[in-house]
C-alpha cells in the first residue's frame, strides 16, 4: 500500500530484489564447468570429489566454501 501511495500504479509492479551476490562470477562458473567436463587431469584422482572441488576453488579463486556448497555448485554445473 505504501508503494502505491508513494509511486502510484508503477509502485505495484514487481521489483527486482537485491539478493546475494553469486559465489562464482559467470567467468569463474564457465571455467569450472569446462574443468568438470574435462574430467580428471594428469596427477588427479579418477573422480572429482566434493573435497577436491572445495580445495580447487580455494587454490584457483581464493574462495572458501563449505562442503555442502561445493556439492551444490557441482550439481548446478552438471
C-alpha atoms as a PDB file:
ATOM      1  CA  UNK A   1       0.000   0.000   0.000  1.00  0.00           C
ATOM      2  CA  UNK A   2       2.857   2.351   0.812  1.00  0.00           C
ATOM      3  CA  UNK A   3       4.439   1.922  -2.599  1.00  0.00           C
ATOM      4  CA  UNK A   4       1.099   2.626  -4.296  1.00  0.00           C
ATOM      5  CA  UNK A   5       0.603   5.783  -2.238  1.00  0.00           C
ATOM      6  CA  UNK A   6       4.146   6.888  -2.924  1.00  0.00           C
ATOM      7  CA  UNK A   7       4.501   5.836  -6.604  1.00  0.00           C
ATOM      8  CA  UNK A   8       1.003   5.195  -7.936  1.00  0.00           C
ATOM      9  CA  UNK A   9       0.402   2.187 -10.244  1.00  0.00           C
ATOM     10  CA  UNK A  10       4.103   1.945 -11.086  1.00  0.00           C
ATOM     11  CA  UNK A  11       4.770   1.162  -7.422  1.00  0.00           C
ATOM     12  CA  UNK A  12       2.741  -2.049  -7.683  1.00  0.00           C
ATOM     13  CA  UNK A  13       4.984  -3.589 -10.341  1.00  0.00           C
ATOM     14  CA  UNK A  14       7.259  -6.377  -9.210  1.00  0.00           C
ATOM     15  CA  UNK A  15      10.652  -5.038  -8.290  1.00  0.00           C
ATOM     16  CA  UNK A  16      13.898  -6.919  -8.512  1.00  0.00           C
ATOM     17  CA  UNK A  17      15.330  -7.999  -5.199  1.00  0.00           C
ATOM     18  CA  UNK A  18      18.780  -7.098  -4.053  1.00  0.00           C
ATOM     19  CA  UNK A  19      19.705 -10.693  -3.327  1.00  0.00           C
ATOM     20  CA  UNK A  20      23.087 -12.055  -2.535  1.00  0.00           C
ATOM     21  CA  UNK A  21      25.970 -11.873  -4.987  1.00  0.00           C
ATOM     22  CA  UNK A  22      26.736 -15.232  -6.647  1.00  0.00           C
ATOM     23  CA  UNK A  23      29.625 -17.153  -5.134  1.00  0.00           C
ATOM     24  CA  UNK A  24      31.334 -17.508  -8.507  1.00  0.00           C
ATOM     25  CA  UNK A  25      31.278 -14.935 -11.277  1.00  0.00           C
ATOM     26  CA  UNK A  26      29.950 -16.019 -14.664  1.00  0.00           C
ATOM     27  CA  UNK A  27      33.517 -16.325 -15.971  1.00  0.00           C
ATOM     28  CA  UNK A  28      34.507 -18.485 -12.983  1.00  0.00           C
ATOM     29  CA  UNK A  29      31.412 -20.678 -13.423  1.00  0.00           C
ATOM     30  CA  UNK A  30      32.260 -21.175 -17.094  1.00  0.00           C
ATOM     31  CA  UNK A  31      35.850 -22.116 -16.216  1.00  0.00           C
ATOM     32  CA  UNK A  32      34.661 -24.592 -13.575  1.00  0.00           C
ATOM     33  CA  UNK A  33      32.063 -26.126 -15.898  1.00  0.00           C
ATOM     34  CA  UNK A  34      34.784 -26.710 -18.505  1.00  0.00           C
ATOM     35  CA  UNK A  35      37.103 -28.152 -15.853  1.00  0.00           C
ATOM     36  CA  UNK A  36      34.421 -30.535 -14.585  1.00  0.00           C
ATOM     37  CA  UNK A  37      33.562 -31.597 -18.154  1.00  0.00           C
ATOM     38  CA  UNK A  38      37.231 -32.264 -18.943  1.00  0.00           C
ATOM     39  CA  UNK A  39      37.378 -34.901 -16.202  1.00  0.00           C
ATOM     40  CA  UNK A  40      40.474 -35.923 -14.325  1.00  0.00           C
ATOM     41  CA  UNK A  41      43.814 -34.449 -15.307  1.00  0.00           C
ATOM     42  CA  UNK A  42      47.255 -35.985 -15.012  1.00  0.00           C
ATOM     43  CA  UNK A  43      48.034 -36.460 -11.336  1.00  0.00           C
ATOM     44  CA  UNK A  44      44.373 -36.134 -10.260  1.00  0.00           C
ATOM     45  CA  UNK A  45      42.252 -38.821  -8.674  1.00  0.00           C
ATOM     46  CA  UNK A  46      39.971 -40.774 -11.004  1.00  0.00           C
ATOM     47  CA  UNK A  47      36.872 -38.988  -9.783  1.00  0.00           C
ATOM     48  CA  UNK A  48      36.207 -35.466  -8.608  1.00  0.00           C
ATOM     49  CA  UNK A  49      35.003 -35.473  -5.017  1.00  0.00           C
ATOM     50  CA  UNK A  50      33.432 -32.564  -3.213  1.00  0.00           C
ATOM     51  CA  UNK A  51      36.523 -32.147  -1.042  1.00  0.00           C
ATOM     52  CA  UNK A  52      38.733 -31.976  -4.152  1.00  0.00           C
ATOM     53  CA  UNK A  53      36.394 -29.431  -5.727  1.00  0.00           C
ATOM     54  CA  UNK A  54      36.421 -27.418  -2.498  1.00  0.00           C
ATOM     55  CA  UNK A  55      40.251 -27.321  -2.459  1.00  0.00           C
ATOM     56  CA  UNK A  56      40.387 -26.478  -6.160  1.00  0.00           C
ATOM     57  CA  UNK A  57      38.068 -23.489  -5.682  1.00  0.00           C
ATOM     58  CA  UNK A  58      40.224 -22.274  -2.813  1.00  0.00           C
ATOM     59  CA  UNK A  59      43.507 -22.546  -4.731  1.00  0.00           C
ATOM     60  CA  UNK A  60      42.134 -21.322  -8.078  1.00  0.00           C
ATOM     61  CA  UNK A  61      39.872 -18.471  -6.940  1.00  0.00           C
ATOM     62  CA  UNK A  62      40.681 -17.991  -3.252  1.00  0.00           C
ATOM     63  CA  UNK A  63      37.088 -18.813  -2.244  1.00  0.00           C
ATOM     64  CA  UNK A  64      36.437 -20.839   0.888  1.00  0.00           C
ATOM     65  CA  UNK A  65      33.228 -22.846   0.632  1.00  0.00           C
ATOM     66  CA  UNK A  66      31.556 -25.346   2.883  1.00  0.00           C
ATOM     67  CA  UNK A  67      31.441 -28.908   1.602  1.00  0.00           C
ATOM     68  CA  UNK A  68      27.663 -28.624   1.185  1.00  0.00           C
ATOM     69  CA  UNK A  69      28.067 -25.528  -1.005  1.00  0.00           C
ATOM     70  CA  UNK A  70      30.804 -27.227  -3.032  1.00  0.00           C
ATOM     71  CA  UNK A  71      28.474 -30.168  -3.746  1.00  0.00           C
ATOM     72  CA  UNK A  72      25.638 -27.774  -4.608  1.00  0.00           C
ATOM     73  CA  UNK A  73      27.875 -25.983  -7.115  1.00  0.00           C
ATOM     74  CA  UNK A  74      28.969 -29.316  -8.611  1.00  0.00           C
ATOM     75  CA  UNK A  75      25.331 -30.270  -9.009  1.00  0.00           C
ATOM     76  CA  UNK A  76      24.489 -26.931 -10.639  1.00  0.00           C
ATOM     77  CA  UNK A  77      27.395 -27.284 -13.066  1.00  0.00           C
ATOM     78  CA  UNK A  78      26.191 -30.731 -14.107  1.00  0.00           C
END
